[in-house]
């Protein structure tokens, strides 16, 4: 029997120094994008049609949330950005059954919003720096 997964149950996690995966706190949304370049392999025998094959693949993650003071996951993101280092992440879809994405990312954008009449928020743009590995739970 198939089972639907609520987005609220899918969390972005980062690896800390002790090899544990820590949730980045305050999350309100996240998205994973996977893409591939195309290579044109059209020739005179293509009957006037373009032909393509898949080239290099890439992936990225966008995440946003509320700043949660003292959150260890958010501290690890700040540290990776400050030190210009890649960080290991995990996105687990489904608890007992489902699948997990893992890979290394670099932070390409990390703004914080300080609106007078709203809670403090952050946004993250993460670019894959390694292959994205998908495994079944």
C-alpha atoms as a PDB file:
ATOM      1  CA  UNK A   1       0.000   0.000   0.000  1.00  0.00           C
ATOM      2  CA  UNK A   2       1.352   3.431  -0.879  1.00  0.00           C
ATOM      3  CA  UNK A   3       1.643   6.117   1.764  1.00  0.00           C
ATOM      4  CA  UNK A   4       1.723   9.869   1.321  1.00  0.00           C
ATOM      5  CA  UNK A   5       4.307  11.949   3.189  1.00  0.00           C
ATOM      6  CA  UNK A   6       3.575  15.302   4.820  1.00  0.00           C
ATOM      7  CA  UNK A   7       6.126  18.021   4.026  1.00  0.00           C
ATOM      8  CA  UNK A   8       6.252  18.944   7.705  1.00  0.00           C
ATOM      9  CA  UNK A   9       7.896  15.552   8.346  1.00  0.00           C
ATOM     10  CA  UNK A  10      10.798  16.155   5.925  1.00  0.00           C
ATOM     11  CA  UNK A  11      13.736  17.985   7.503  1.00  0.00           C
ATOM     12  CA  UNK A  12      17.107  19.238   6.314  1.00  0.00           C
ATOM     13  CA  UNK A  13      19.893  17.949   8.557  1.00  0.00           C
ATOM     14  CA  UNK A  14      23.615  18.776   8.718  1.00  0.00           C
ATOM     15  CA  UNK A  15      26.487  16.657   9.997  1.00  0.00           C
ATOM     16  CA  UNK A  16      28.251  17.789  13.144  1.00  0.00           C
ATOM     17  CA  UNK A  17      31.797  16.928  14.238  1.00  0.00           C
ATOM     18  CA  UNK A  18      30.725  13.689  15.916  1.00  0.00           C
ATOM     19  CA  UNK A  19      29.207  12.372  12.678  1.00  0.00           C
ATOM     20  CA  UNK A  20      25.616  12.852  13.888  1.00  0.00           C
ATOM     21  CA  UNK A  21      23.016  14.424  11.623  1.00  0.00           C
ATOM     22  CA  UNK A  22      21.482  17.477  13.339  1.00  0.00           C
ATOM     23  CA  UNK A  23      18.225  19.144  12.245  1.00  0.00           C
ATOM     24  CA  UNK A  24      18.576  22.760  11.110  1.00  0.00           C
ATOM     25  CA  UNK A  25      16.020  24.347  13.447  1.00  0.00           C
ATOM     26  CA  UNK A  26      13.143  26.654  12.666  1.00  0.00           C
ATOM     27  CA  UNK A  27      12.564  25.269   9.154  1.00  0.00           C
ATOM     28  CA  UNK A  28       9.377  26.307   7.392  1.00  0.00           C
ATOM     29  CA  UNK A  29      10.208  25.057   3.911  1.00  0.00           C
ATOM     30  CA  UNK A  30      12.810  23.289   1.817  1.00  0.00           C
ATOM     31  CA  UNK A  31      13.150  22.121  -1.751  1.00  0.00           C
ATOM     32  CA  UNK A  32      15.564  19.900  -3.632  1.00  0.00           C
ATOM     33  CA  UNK A  33      16.336  20.579  -7.292  1.00  0.00           C
ATOM     34  CA  UNK A  34      18.107  18.124  -9.573  1.00  0.00           C
ATOM     35  CA  UNK A  35      19.068  18.963 -13.133  1.00  0.00           C
ATOM     36  CA  UNK A  36      21.190  17.759 -16.001  1.00  0.00           C
ATOM     37  CA  UNK A  37      22.869  19.494 -18.894  1.00  0.00           C
ATOM     38  CA  UNK A  38      22.058  18.232 -22.346  1.00  0.00           C
ATOM     39  CA  UNK A  39      24.519  17.431 -25.085  1.00  0.00           C
ATOM     40  CA  UNK A  40      23.353  17.890 -28.664  1.00  0.00           C
ATOM     41  CA  UNK A  41      24.150  14.774 -30.683  1.00  0.00           C
ATOM     42  CA  UNK A  42      22.101  15.676 -33.779  1.00  0.00           C
ATOM     43  CA  UNK A  43      23.491  14.691 -37.137  1.00  0.00           C
ATOM     44  CA  UNK A  44      22.372  14.466 -40.744  1.00  0.00           C
ATOM     45  CA  UNK A  45      20.573  11.179 -40.061  1.00  0.00           C
ATOM     46  CA  UNK A  46      18.354  12.701 -37.337  1.00  0.00           C
ATOM     47  CA  UNK A  47      15.528  13.309 -39.847  1.00  0.00           C
ATOM     48  CA  UNK A  48      15.589  17.030 -39.127  1.00  0.00           C
ATOM     49  CA  UNK A  49      15.072  16.506 -35.403  1.00  0.00           C
ATOM     50  CA  UNK A  50      17.352  17.503 -32.575  1.00  0.00           C
ATOM     51  CA  UNK A  51      18.796  14.588 -30.569  1.00  0.00           C
ATOM     52  CA  UNK A  52      20.210  14.926 -27.062  1.00  0.00           C
ATOM     53  CA  UNK A  53      21.899  12.855 -24.405  1.00  0.00           C
ATOM     54  CA  UNK A  54      22.255  13.626 -20.696  1.00  0.00           C
ATOM     55  CA  UNK A  55      25.442  15.408 -19.652  1.00  0.00           C
ATOM     56  CA  UNK A  56      26.650  16.584 -16.255  1.00  0.00           C
ATOM     57  CA  UNK A  57      24.138  16.462 -13.408  1.00  0.00           C
ATOM     58  CA  UNK A  58      23.858  18.989 -10.577  1.00  0.00           C
ATOM     59  CA  UNK A  59      21.689  19.539  -7.538  1.00  0.00           C
ATOM     60  CA  UNK A  60      20.824  22.225  -5.033  1.00  0.00           C
ATOM     61  CA  UNK A  61      18.699  22.790  -1.948  1.00  0.00           C
ATOM     62  CA  UNK A  62      16.741  25.867  -0.904  1.00  0.00           C
ATOM     63  CA  UNK A  63      15.610  26.159   2.709  1.00  0.00           C
ATOM     64  CA  UNK A  64      14.015  28.853   4.828  1.00  0.00           C
ATOM     65  CA  UNK A  65      12.898  29.202   8.397  1.00  0.00           C
ATOM     66  CA  UNK A  66      12.784  31.168  11.607  1.00  0.00           C
ATOM     67  CA  UNK A  67      16.028  31.959  13.422  1.00  0.00           C
ATOM     68  CA  UNK A  68      16.095  29.848  16.579  1.00  0.00           C
ATOM     69  CA  UNK A  69      18.722  31.062  19.047  1.00  0.00           C
ATOM     70  CA  UNK A  70      20.964  28.298  20.360  1.00  0.00           C
ATOM     71  CA  UNK A  71      20.066  25.871  17.551  1.00  0.00           C
ATOM     72  CA  UNK A  72      23.056  23.597  16.883  1.00  0.00           C
ATOM     73  CA  UNK A  73      22.163  22.958  13.225  1.00  0.00           C
ATOM     74  CA  UNK A  74      21.964  26.672  12.441  1.00  0.00           C
ATOM     75  CA  UNK A  75      25.279  27.213  14.264  1.00  0.00           C
ATOM     76  CA  UNK A  76      26.880  24.584  11.994  1.00  0.00           C
ATOM     77  CA  UNK A  77      25.541  26.405   8.923  1.00  0.00           C
ATOM     78  CA  UNK A  78      26.984  29.729  10.176  1.00  0.00           C
ATOM     79  CA  UNK A  79      30.329  28.043  10.872  1.00  0.00           C
ATOM     80  CA  UNK A  80      30.504  26.388   7.435  1.00  0.00           C
ATOM     81  CA  UNK A  81      29.705  29.713   5.757  1.00  0.00           C
ATOM     82  CA  UNK A  82      32.253  31.660   7.835  1.00  0.00           C
ATOM     83  CA  UNK A  83      34.974  29.061   7.174  1.00  0.00           C
ATOM     84  CA  UNK A  84      34.033  28.657   3.473  1.00  0.00           C
ATOM     85  CA  UNK A  85      33.774  24.888   3.948  1.00  0.00           C
ATOM     86  CA  UNK A  86      31.496  22.276   2.456  1.00  0.00           C
ATOM     87  CA  UNK A  87      29.078  20.574   4.834  1.00  0.00           C
ATOM     88  CA  UNK A  88      27.354  17.187   4.677  1.00  0.00           C
ATOM     89  CA  UNK A  89      23.560  17.253   4.563  1.00  0.00           C
ATOM     90  CA  UNK A  90      20.709  14.757   4.675  1.00  0.00           C
ATOM     91  CA  UNK A  91      17.068  14.952   3.654  1.00  0.00           C
ATOM     92  CA  UNK A  92      14.952  12.010   4.824  1.00  0.00           C
ATOM     93  CA  UNK A  93      11.582  11.501   3.133  1.00  0.00           C
ATOM     94  CA  UNK A  94       9.351   9.172   5.189  1.00  0.00           C
ATOM     95  CA  UNK A  95      10.139   7.755   8.619  1.00  0.00           C
ATOM     96  CA  UNK A  96      10.105   3.931   8.593  1.00  0.00           C
ATOM     97  CA  UNK A  97       9.802   3.532   4.843  1.00  0.00           C
ATOM     98  CA  UNK A  98      10.834   6.024   2.225  1.00  0.00           C
ATOM     99  CA  UNK A  99      14.181   7.296   1.056  1.00  0.00           C
ATOM    100  CA  UNK A 100      17.073   9.527   2.060  1.00  0.00           C
ATOM    101  CA  UNK A 101      19.224  11.965   0.091  1.00  0.00           C
ATOM    102  CA  UNK A 102      22.798  12.634   1.249  1.00  0.00           C
ATOM    103  CA  UNK A 103      25.609  14.744  -0.124  1.00  0.00           C
ATOM    104  CA  UNK A 104      28.070  17.535   0.434  1.00  0.00           C
ATOM    105  CA  UNK A 105      27.090  21.169  -0.256  1.00  0.00           C
ATOM    106  CA  UNK A 106      28.559  24.637  -0.269  1.00  0.00           C
ATOM    107  CA  UNK A 107      26.517  27.605   0.891  1.00  0.00           C
ATOM    108  CA  UNK A 108      25.941  30.081  -1.927  1.00  0.00           C
ATOM    109  CA  UNK A 109      23.456  32.428  -0.243  1.00  0.00           C
ATOM    110  CA  UNK A 110      22.535  32.879   3.434  1.00  0.00           C
ATOM    111  CA  UNK A 111      20.461  36.019   4.088  1.00  0.00           C
ATOM    112  CA  UNK A 112      18.669  36.826   7.340  1.00  0.00           C
ATOM    113  CA  UNK A 113      15.611  39.089   7.505  1.00  0.00           C
ATOM    114  CA  UNK A 114      15.061  41.455  10.464  1.00  0.00           C
ATOM    115  CA  UNK A 115      11.627  42.978   9.767  1.00  0.00           C
ATOM    116  CA  UNK A 116      10.251  45.235  12.503  1.00  0.00           C
ATOM    117  CA  UNK A 117       6.868  43.525  12.607  1.00  0.00           C
ATOM    118  CA  UNK A 118       7.847  39.892  12.073  1.00  0.00           C
ATOM    119  CA  UNK A 119      10.003  37.111  13.463  1.00  0.00           C
ATOM    120  CA  UNK A 120      13.643  36.935  12.350  1.00  0.00           C
ATOM    121  CA  UNK A 121      14.018  34.543   9.409  1.00  0.00           C
ATOM    122  CA  UNK A 122      16.800  32.975   7.345  1.00  0.00           C
ATOM    123  CA  UNK A 123      17.091  31.559   3.855  1.00  0.00           C
ATOM    124  CA  UNK A 124      19.671  29.077   2.610  1.00  0.00           C
ATOM    125  CA  UNK A 125      20.853  28.319  -0.904  1.00  0.00           C
ATOM    126  CA  UNK A 126      23.013  25.206  -1.012  1.00  0.00           C
ATOM    127  CA  UNK A 127      24.830  23.953  -4.110  1.00  0.00           C
ATOM    128  CA  UNK A 128      25.789  20.297  -4.390  1.00  0.00           C
ATOM    129  CA  UNK A 129      29.551  19.784  -4.093  1.00  0.00           C
ATOM    130  CA  UNK A 130      29.471  15.976  -4.452  1.00  0.00           C
ATOM    131  CA  UNK A 131      27.234  13.361  -5.995  1.00  0.00           C
ATOM    132  CA  UNK A 132      23.744  13.265  -4.481  1.00  0.00           C
ATOM    133  CA  UNK A 133      23.189   9.786  -3.090  1.00  0.00           C
ATOM    134  CA  UNK A 134      19.642   8.470  -2.772  1.00  0.00           C
ATOM    135  CA  UNK A 135      19.031   5.374  -0.659  1.00  0.00           C
ATOM    136  CA  UNK A 136      15.936   3.559   0.542  1.00  0.00           C
ATOM    137  CA  UNK A 137      15.231   3.704   4.293  1.00  0.00           C
END
